[in-house]
Amino acid sequence: MLENATEPKRKLHSLFDEFKSFAFRGNIVDLAIGMVIGTAFGAVVTSLVKNIVMPLVTMFVPTDKGGYEDWKLPLLFGNSMPIGKFLGEIVSFLILAAALFIFMVKILGPFLKKPEGPPPPPTTQEKLLMEIRDLLKAQSATEGAN
C-alpha cells in the first residue's frame, strides 16, 4: 500500500522533469527571446509609422480635418468607410516585413546556410539504372552508325 502512495509523486516528478527538459531546451528559450524582441521591435515600427511616416504622408495628401486617421472612403447614401488607420497598419506591416527580410535573408542568411557536402554515393539501384542508361546509349549509337 505504501508503494501506491508514492506512485503519483513519481509520476508528478517525471512530468516535471519532462517539462523542465522541454522548456529549457535551447530552441525554446531562443524562441521566447525572439518573441520578446519581435514584440518590442513591432512597437517601435508602429510608433515610427504613427508619429513620423504617416504625418509626413499627411503633409503631401492634406485632408479637411485631422490627420491620416480621419481619411474616409465615401460610400453610398452618405456613409463612409474609415481607411486611414488601415493604411497606417499596412505601412507598418510593410516596414516590419522589409526589416525582417533584410535581417533574416541578407544579414543572417549567409550564417544560417548549411554548407553543402559532397553528394551521397549512388545506391545499388541507381548504379544499375546508370548501367542500363549507358548500355542504351551505346546501343543507339551503334544503330545510328549502321
N, C-alpha and C. Protein backbone atom coordinates (compact mmCIF):
# COMPACT_ATOMS: atom_id res chain seq x y z
N MET A 1 0.82 -1.18 0.00
CA MET A 1 0.00 0.00 0.00
C MET A 1 0.87 1.25 0.00
N LEU A 2 2.04 1.18 0.58
CA LEU A 2 2.96 2.30 0.62
C LEU A 2 3.47 2.62 -0.79
N GLU A 3 3.65 1.58 -1.62
CA GLU A 3 4.11 1.80 -2.99
C GLU A 3 3.08 2.57 -3.79
N ASN A 4 1.78 2.33 -3.57
CA ASN A 4 0.73 3.04 -4.31
C ASN A 4 0.71 4.52 -3.95
N ALA A 5 1.11 4.87 -2.74
CA ALA A 5 1.11 6.27 -2.32
C ALA A 5 2.26 7.04 -2.99
N THR A 6 3.35 6.38 -3.30
CA THR A 6 4.49 7.08 -3.91
C THR A 6 4.37 7.13 -5.43
N GLU A 7 3.50 6.34 -6.02
CA GLU A 7 3.36 6.31 -7.47
C GLU A 7 2.94 7.67 -8.05
N PRO A 8 1.93 8.38 -7.49
CA PRO A 8 1.60 9.71 -8.04
C PRO A 8 2.74 10.70 -7.89
N LYS A 9 3.51 10.62 -6.81
CA LYS A 9 4.65 11.52 -6.64
C LYS A 9 5.70 11.25 -7.72
N ARG A 10 5.92 9.97 -7.99
CA ARG A 10 6.91 9.60 -9.00
C ARG A 10 6.46 10.09 -10.38
N LYS A 11 5.16 9.95 -10.68
CA LYS A 11 4.65 10.42 -11.97
C LYS A 11 4.73 11.94 -12.07
N LEU A 12 4.42 12.63 -10.98
CA LEU A 12 4.48 14.08 -10.97
C LEU A 12 5.93 14.54 -11.16
N HIS A 13 6.85 13.89 -10.49
CA HIS A 13 8.26 14.24 -10.62
C HIS A 13 8.73 13.98 -12.05
N SER A 14 8.30 12.88 -12.65
CA SER A 14 8.67 12.56 -14.02
C SER A 14 8.09 13.60 -14.99
N LEU A 15 6.84 14.00 -14.76
CA LEU A 15 6.21 15.01 -15.59
C LEU A 15 6.95 16.34 -15.48
N PHE A 16 7.34 16.69 -14.27
CA PHE A 16 8.10 17.93 -14.05
C PHE A 16 9.44 17.87 -14.76
N ASP A 17 10.12 16.73 -14.68
CA ASP A 17 11.41 16.59 -15.36
C ASP A 17 11.26 16.72 -16.88
N GLU A 18 10.21 16.12 -17.43
CA GLU A 18 9.97 16.23 -18.87
C GLU A 18 9.70 17.68 -19.26
N PHE A 19 8.86 18.36 -18.47
CA PHE A 19 8.56 19.76 -18.76
C PHE A 19 9.82 20.61 -18.68
N LYS A 20 10.63 20.38 -17.67
CA LYS A 20 11.86 21.15 -17.49
C LYS A 20 12.79 20.94 -18.68
N SER A 21 12.94 19.72 -19.14
CA SER A 21 13.82 19.48 -20.27
C SER A 21 13.25 20.09 -21.55
N PHE A 22 11.92 20.15 -21.67
CA PHE A 22 11.30 20.78 -22.83
C PHE A 22 11.42 22.30 -22.78
N ALA A 23 11.08 22.89 -21.63
CA ALA A 23 11.00 24.34 -21.51
C ALA A 23 12.37 25.01 -21.54
N PHE A 24 13.38 24.33 -21.07
CA PHE A 24 14.69 24.97 -21.00
C PHE A 24 15.65 24.46 -22.06
N ARG A 25 15.11 23.83 -23.06
CA ARG A 25 15.91 23.44 -24.21
C ARG A 25 16.31 24.72 -24.92
N GLY A 26 17.43 24.76 -25.55
CA GLY A 26 17.94 25.98 -26.16
C GLY A 26 16.98 26.61 -27.16
N ASN A 27 16.32 25.82 -27.99
CA ASN A 27 15.46 26.39 -29.02
C ASN A 27 14.26 27.12 -28.42
N ILE A 28 13.69 26.61 -27.35
CA ILE A 28 12.52 27.23 -26.74
C ILE A 28 12.91 28.58 -26.12
N VAL A 29 14.02 28.62 -25.44
CA VAL A 29 14.48 29.86 -24.83
C VAL A 29 14.78 30.89 -25.93
N ASP A 30 15.43 30.47 -27.00
CA ASP A 30 15.72 31.36 -28.12
C ASP A 30 14.42 31.89 -28.73
N LEU A 31 13.44 31.02 -28.86
CA LEU A 31 12.14 31.43 -29.40
C LEU A 31 11.48 32.46 -28.51
N ALA A 32 11.52 32.26 -27.20
CA ALA A 32 10.92 33.22 -26.27
C ALA A 32 11.63 34.57 -26.35
N ILE A 33 12.95 34.56 -26.41
CA ILE A 33 13.70 35.81 -26.53
C ILE A 33 13.35 36.50 -27.84
N GLY A 34 13.25 35.73 -28.91
CA GLY A 34 12.88 36.29 -30.21
C GLY A 34 11.49 36.90 -30.20
N MET A 35 10.56 36.27 -29.48
CA MET A 35 9.20 36.82 -29.39
C MET A 35 9.22 38.16 -28.65
N VAL A 36 9.95 38.24 -27.56
CA VAL A 36 10.01 39.48 -26.79
C VAL A 36 10.65 40.60 -27.62
N ILE A 37 11.76 40.30 -28.27
CA ILE A 37 12.43 41.29 -29.10
C ILE A 37 11.54 41.68 -30.29
N GLY A 38 10.88 40.71 -30.88
CA GLY A 38 9.99 40.99 -32.01
C GLY A 38 8.82 41.87 -31.60
N THR A 39 8.27 41.64 -30.42
CA THR A 39 7.17 42.49 -29.94
C THR A 39 7.66 43.91 -29.71
N ALA A 40 8.82 44.05 -29.12
CA ALA A 40 9.38 45.38 -28.89
C ALA A 40 9.68 46.08 -30.22
N PHE A 41 10.22 45.35 -31.18
CA PHE A 41 10.51 45.92 -32.49
C PHE A 41 9.22 46.33 -33.19
N GLY A 42 8.17 45.52 -33.04
CA GLY A 42 6.87 45.86 -33.62
C GLY A 42 6.32 47.15 -33.04
N ALA A 43 6.51 47.34 -31.74
CA ALA A 43 6.05 48.58 -31.10
C ALA A 43 6.83 49.78 -31.63
N VAL A 44 8.13 49.61 -31.85
CA VAL A 44 8.94 50.70 -32.39
C VAL A 44 8.49 51.04 -33.81
N VAL A 45 8.24 50.02 -34.63
CA VAL A 45 7.79 50.26 -36.00
C VAL A 45 6.42 50.93 -36.00
N THR A 46 5.52 50.49 -35.13
CA THR A 46 4.20 51.11 -35.04
C THR A 46 4.31 52.58 -34.67
N SER A 47 5.17 52.89 -33.72
CA SER A 47 5.38 54.27 -33.32
C SER A 47 5.98 55.08 -34.47
N LEU A 48 6.93 54.50 -35.18
CA LEU A 48 7.54 55.16 -36.33
C LEU A 48 6.48 55.52 -37.37
N VAL A 49 5.59 54.57 -37.66
CA VAL A 49 4.57 54.81 -38.66
C VAL A 49 3.58 55.86 -38.19
N LYS A 50 3.09 55.73 -36.95
CA LYS A 50 2.08 56.65 -36.44
C LYS A 50 2.61 58.07 -36.24
N ASN A 51 3.83 58.19 -35.78
CA ASN A 51 4.35 59.50 -35.38
C ASN A 51 5.24 60.19 -36.40
N ILE A 52 5.78 59.44 -37.36
CA ILE A 52 6.70 60.05 -38.32
C ILE A 52 6.24 59.84 -39.77
N VAL A 53 6.07 58.60 -40.18
CA VAL A 53 5.80 58.32 -41.59
C VAL A 53 4.43 58.86 -42.03
N MET A 54 3.37 58.47 -41.32
CA MET A 54 2.03 58.89 -41.76
C MET A 54 1.81 60.39 -41.62
N PRO A 55 2.33 61.09 -40.59
CA PRO A 55 2.21 62.55 -40.62
C PRO A 55 2.93 63.19 -41.81
N LEU A 56 4.07 62.59 -42.24
CA LEU A 56 4.73 63.09 -43.44
C LEU A 56 3.86 62.86 -44.67
N VAL A 57 3.22 61.71 -44.74
CA VAL A 57 2.30 61.43 -45.85
C VAL A 57 1.14 62.41 -45.82
N THR A 58 0.64 62.73 -44.63
CA THR A 58 -0.48 63.66 -44.48
C THR A 58 -0.09 65.06 -44.97
N MET A 59 1.18 65.43 -44.86
CA MET A 59 1.62 66.73 -45.36
C MET A 59 1.46 66.82 -46.88
N PHE A 60 1.66 65.69 -47.58
CA PHE A 60 1.57 65.68 -49.03
C PHE A 60 0.17 65.38 -49.53
N VAL A 61 -0.64 64.75 -48.69
CA VAL A 61 -2.03 64.45 -49.03
C VAL A 61 -2.90 65.08 -47.96
N PRO A 62 -3.14 66.38 -48.06
CA PRO A 62 -3.88 67.05 -46.99
C PRO A 62 -5.36 66.64 -46.97
N THR A 63 -5.93 66.72 -45.78
CA THR A 63 -7.35 66.44 -45.61
C THR A 63 -8.01 67.65 -44.96
N ASP A 64 -9.33 67.63 -44.94
CA ASP A 64 -10.07 68.75 -44.37
C ASP A 64 -9.81 68.89 -42.88
N LYS A 65 -9.77 67.76 -42.20
CA LYS A 65 -9.60 67.81 -40.74
C LYS A 65 -8.70 66.66 -40.30
N GLY A 66 -7.93 66.89 -39.28
CA GLY A 66 -7.12 65.83 -38.67
C GLY A 66 -6.05 65.30 -39.60
N GLY A 67 -5.56 64.15 -39.24
CA GLY A 67 -4.51 63.51 -40.00
C GLY A 67 -5.02 62.32 -40.77
N TYR A 68 -4.12 61.38 -40.98
CA TYR A 68 -4.45 60.21 -41.78
C TYR A 68 -5.53 59.35 -41.14
N GLU A 69 -5.67 59.39 -39.82
CA GLU A 69 -6.65 58.56 -39.14
C GLU A 69 -8.08 58.95 -39.50
N ASP A 70 -8.27 60.17 -39.99
CA ASP A 70 -9.60 60.62 -40.37
C ASP A 70 -9.89 60.42 -41.86
N TRP A 71 -8.99 59.82 -42.60
CA TRP A 71 -9.26 59.57 -44.02
C TRP A 71 -10.41 58.59 -44.14
N LYS A 72 -11.36 58.91 -45.01
CA LYS A 72 -12.53 58.06 -45.20
C LYS A 72 -12.80 57.89 -46.68
N LEU A 73 -13.30 56.74 -47.03
CA LEU A 73 -13.68 56.43 -48.40
C LEU A 73 -15.19 56.61 -48.50
N PRO A 74 -15.67 57.54 -49.34
CA PRO A 74 -17.12 57.76 -49.41
C PRO A 74 -17.83 56.57 -50.04
N LEU A 75 -18.97 56.23 -49.46
CA LEU A 75 -19.80 55.14 -49.96
C LEU A 75 -21.17 55.70 -50.33
N LEU A 76 -22.12 54.84 -50.57
CA LEU A 76 -23.47 55.24 -50.94
C LEU A 76 -24.24 55.80 -49.75
N PHE A 77 -25.22 56.64 -50.02
CA PHE A 77 -26.17 57.17 -49.05
C PHE A 77 -25.48 57.95 -47.92
N GLY A 78 -24.42 58.65 -48.23
CA GLY A 78 -23.75 59.48 -47.24
C GLY A 78 -22.88 58.72 -46.25
N ASN A 79 -22.76 57.43 -46.39
CA ASN A 79 -21.90 56.65 -45.49
C ASN A 79 -20.46 56.70 -45.99
N SER A 80 -19.54 56.42 -45.09
CA SER A 80 -18.14 56.39 -45.47
C SER A 80 -17.43 55.28 -44.69
N MET A 81 -16.33 54.84 -45.28
CA MET A 81 -15.53 53.78 -44.67
C MET A 81 -14.20 54.36 -44.22
N PRO A 82 -13.89 54.28 -42.92
CA PRO A 82 -12.60 54.82 -42.46
C PRO A 82 -11.45 53.92 -42.91
N ILE A 83 -10.55 54.49 -43.71
CA ILE A 83 -9.44 53.68 -44.22
C ILE A 83 -8.09 54.19 -43.76
N GLY A 84 -8.04 55.32 -43.09
CA GLY A 84 -6.76 55.91 -42.69
C GLY A 84 -5.97 55.02 -41.75
N LYS A 85 -6.61 54.51 -40.71
CA LYS A 85 -5.91 53.64 -39.76
C LYS A 85 -5.46 52.35 -40.45
N PHE A 86 -6.31 51.84 -41.34
CA PHE A 86 -5.96 50.62 -42.07
C PHE A 86 -4.72 50.85 -42.93
N LEU A 87 -4.66 51.98 -43.61
CA LEU A 87 -3.48 52.28 -44.42
C LEU A 87 -2.24 52.42 -43.54
N GLY A 88 -2.40 52.99 -42.35
CA GLY A 88 -1.28 53.08 -41.41
C GLY A 88 -0.78 51.71 -41.00
N GLU A 89 -1.71 50.78 -40.78
CA GLU A 89 -1.32 49.41 -40.42
C GLU A 89 -0.63 48.71 -41.58
N ILE A 90 -1.07 48.97 -42.80
CA ILE A 90 -0.42 48.38 -43.97
C ILE A 90 1.02 48.89 -44.08
N VAL A 91 1.21 50.18 -43.91
CA VAL A 91 2.56 50.75 -43.96
C VAL A 91 3.42 50.14 -42.86
N SER A 92 2.85 49.99 -41.67
CA SER A 92 3.58 49.40 -40.55
C SER A 92 3.98 47.96 -40.88
N PHE A 93 3.06 47.20 -41.45
CA PHE A 93 3.37 45.81 -41.83
C PHE A 93 4.47 45.76 -42.88
N LEU A 94 4.40 46.63 -43.88
CA LEU A 94 5.40 46.61 -44.94
C LEU A 94 6.79 46.96 -44.41
N ILE A 95 6.86 47.93 -43.51
CA ILE A 95 8.17 48.28 -42.92
C ILE A 95 8.70 47.12 -42.09
N LEU A 96 7.83 46.50 -41.29
CA LEU A 96 8.25 45.37 -40.46
C LEU A 96 8.68 44.19 -41.32
N ALA A 97 7.92 43.89 -42.37
CA ALA A 97 8.28 42.79 -43.26
C ALA A 97 9.60 43.05 -43.98
N ALA A 98 9.81 44.29 -44.42
CA ALA A 98 11.06 44.62 -45.09
C ALA A 98 12.25 44.51 -44.13
N ALA A 99 12.06 44.97 -42.90
CA ALA A 99 13.14 44.88 -41.92
C ALA A 99 13.47 43.42 -41.61
N LEU A 100 12.45 42.59 -41.45
CA LEU A 100 12.69 41.17 -41.18
C LEU A 100 13.36 40.49 -42.37
N PHE A 101 12.95 40.85 -43.58
CA PHE A 101 13.57 40.28 -44.77
C PHE A 101 15.05 40.63 -44.83
N ILE A 102 15.33 41.91 -44.63
CA ILE A 102 16.73 42.34 -44.69
C ILE A 102 17.55 41.64 -43.61
N PHE A 103 17.01 41.56 -42.40
CA PHE A 103 17.74 40.94 -41.30
C PHE A 103 17.93 39.45 -41.51
N MET A 104 16.85 38.74 -41.86
CA MET A 104 16.93 37.28 -41.95
C MET A 104 17.64 36.81 -43.22
N VAL A 105 17.35 37.43 -44.35
CA VAL A 105 17.88 36.93 -45.62
C VAL A 105 19.24 37.54 -45.93
N LYS A 106 19.36 38.83 -45.78
CA LYS A 106 20.60 39.49 -46.20
C LYS A 106 21.68 39.47 -45.14
N ILE A 107 21.31 39.62 -43.87
CA ILE A 107 22.33 39.68 -42.82
C ILE A 107 22.61 38.30 -42.25
N LEU A 108 21.57 37.59 -41.81
CA LEU A 108 21.79 36.28 -41.20
C LEU A 108 21.81 35.14 -42.21
N GLY A 109 21.35 35.38 -43.42
CA GLY A 109 21.27 34.33 -44.44
C GLY A 109 22.55 33.56 -44.65
N PRO A 110 23.67 34.25 -44.87
CA PRO A 110 24.92 33.51 -45.08
C PRO A 110 25.34 32.67 -43.87
N PHE A 111 24.98 33.12 -42.67
CA PHE A 111 25.37 32.37 -41.47
C PHE A 111 24.45 31.18 -41.22
N LEU A 112 23.19 31.26 -41.70
CA LEU A 112 22.22 30.20 -41.44
C LEU A 112 22.30 29.08 -42.46
N LYS A 113 22.92 29.33 -43.62
CA LYS A 113 23.01 28.30 -44.64
C LYS A 113 23.97 27.21 -44.18
N LYS A 114 23.55 26.00 -44.37
CA LYS A 114 24.41 24.88 -44.03
C LYS A 114 25.34 24.61 -45.22
N PRO A 115 26.60 24.37 -44.95
CA PRO A 115 27.50 24.09 -46.08
C PRO A 115 27.11 22.77 -46.75
N GLU A 116 27.14 22.82 -48.07
CA GLU A 116 26.78 21.62 -48.81
C GLU A 116 28.00 20.70 -48.90
N GLY A 117 27.77 19.46 -48.57
CA GLY A 117 28.83 18.47 -48.65
C GLY A 117 28.77 17.77 -49.99
N PRO A 118 29.64 16.81 -50.17
CA PRO A 118 29.59 16.05 -51.43
C PRO A 118 28.29 15.24 -51.48
N PRO A 119 27.81 14.98 -52.69
CA PRO A 119 26.57 14.21 -52.79
C PRO A 119 26.78 12.79 -52.26
N PRO A 120 25.74 12.18 -51.75
CA PRO A 120 25.89 10.82 -51.24
C PRO A 120 26.19 9.86 -52.38
N PRO A 121 26.88 8.78 -52.09
CA PRO A 121 27.20 7.83 -53.16
C PRO A 121 25.92 7.18 -53.69
N PRO A 122 25.92 6.83 -54.96
CA PRO A 122 24.70 6.25 -55.54
C PRO A 122 24.39 4.88 -54.91
N THR A 123 23.10 4.63 -54.82
CA THR A 123 22.67 3.34 -54.28
C THR A 123 22.86 2.27 -55.35
N THR A 124 22.65 1.03 -54.98
CA THR A 124 22.79 -0.08 -55.92
C THR A 124 21.80 0.07 -57.06
N GLN A 125 20.59 0.48 -56.73
CA GLN A 125 19.56 0.65 -57.75
C GLN A 125 19.96 1.76 -58.73
N GLU A 126 20.50 2.85 -58.22
CA GLU A 126 20.93 3.95 -59.09
C GLU A 126 22.08 3.51 -59.98
N LYS A 127 23.01 2.71 -59.45
CA LYS A 127 24.13 2.21 -60.25
C LYS A 127 23.62 1.35 -61.40
N LEU A 128 22.64 0.47 -61.10
CA LEU A 128 22.08 -0.38 -62.15
C LEU A 128 21.37 0.46 -63.21
N LEU A 129 20.65 1.47 -62.79
CA LEU A 129 19.97 2.33 -63.76
C LEU A 129 20.97 3.09 -64.64
N MET A 130 22.09 3.52 -64.05
CA MET A 130 23.12 4.19 -64.85
C MET A 130 23.73 3.23 -65.86
N GLU A 131 23.94 1.97 -65.47
CA GLU A 131 24.48 0.98 -66.41
C GLU A 131 23.51 0.74 -67.55
N ILE A 132 22.22 0.64 -67.22
CA ILE A 132 21.21 0.43 -68.26
C ILE A 132 21.20 1.63 -69.21
N ARG A 133 21.27 2.85 -68.67
CA ARG A 133 21.29 4.06 -69.49
C ARG A 133 22.50 4.04 -70.43
N ASP A 134 23.66 3.69 -69.89
CA ASP A 134 24.86 3.67 -70.71
C ASP A 134 24.77 2.61 -71.81
N LEU A 135 24.20 1.44 -71.48
CA LEU A 135 24.03 0.39 -72.50
C LEU A 135 23.07 0.84 -73.59
N LEU A 136 21.99 1.51 -73.21
CA LEU A 136 21.03 2.00 -74.21
C LEU A 136 21.66 3.07 -75.10
N LYS A 137 22.48 3.96 -74.51
CA LYS A 137 23.17 4.96 -75.30
C LYS A 137 24.14 4.31 -76.30
N ALA A 138 24.87 3.30 -75.82
CA ALA A 138 25.83 2.61 -76.69
C ALA A 138 25.10 1.89 -77.80
N GLN A 139 23.97 1.28 -77.48
CA GLN A 139 23.19 0.55 -78.47
C GLN A 139 22.63 1.51 -79.53
N SER A 140 22.11 2.67 -79.11
CA SER A 140 21.56 3.62 -80.09
C SER A 140 22.67 4.23 -80.93
N ALA A 141 23.86 4.35 -80.38
CA ALA A 141 25.00 4.91 -81.14
C ALA A 141 25.43 3.93 -82.21
N THR A 142 25.44 2.64 -81.89
CA THR A 142 25.85 1.64 -82.90
C THR A 142 24.78 1.47 -83.95
N GLU A 143 23.51 1.61 -83.60
CA GLU A 143 22.44 1.51 -84.60
C GLU A 143 22.45 2.71 -85.49
N GLY A 144 22.79 3.88 -84.98
CA GLY A 144 22.86 5.09 -85.79
C GLY A 144 24.01 5.05 -86.78
N ALA A 145 25.09 4.33 -86.43
CA ALA A 145 26.26 4.22 -87.32
C ALA A 145 25.97 3.28 -88.47
N ASN A 146 25.06 2.33 -88.29
CA ASN A 146 24.76 1.36 -89.36
C ASN A 146 23.83 1.90 -90.35
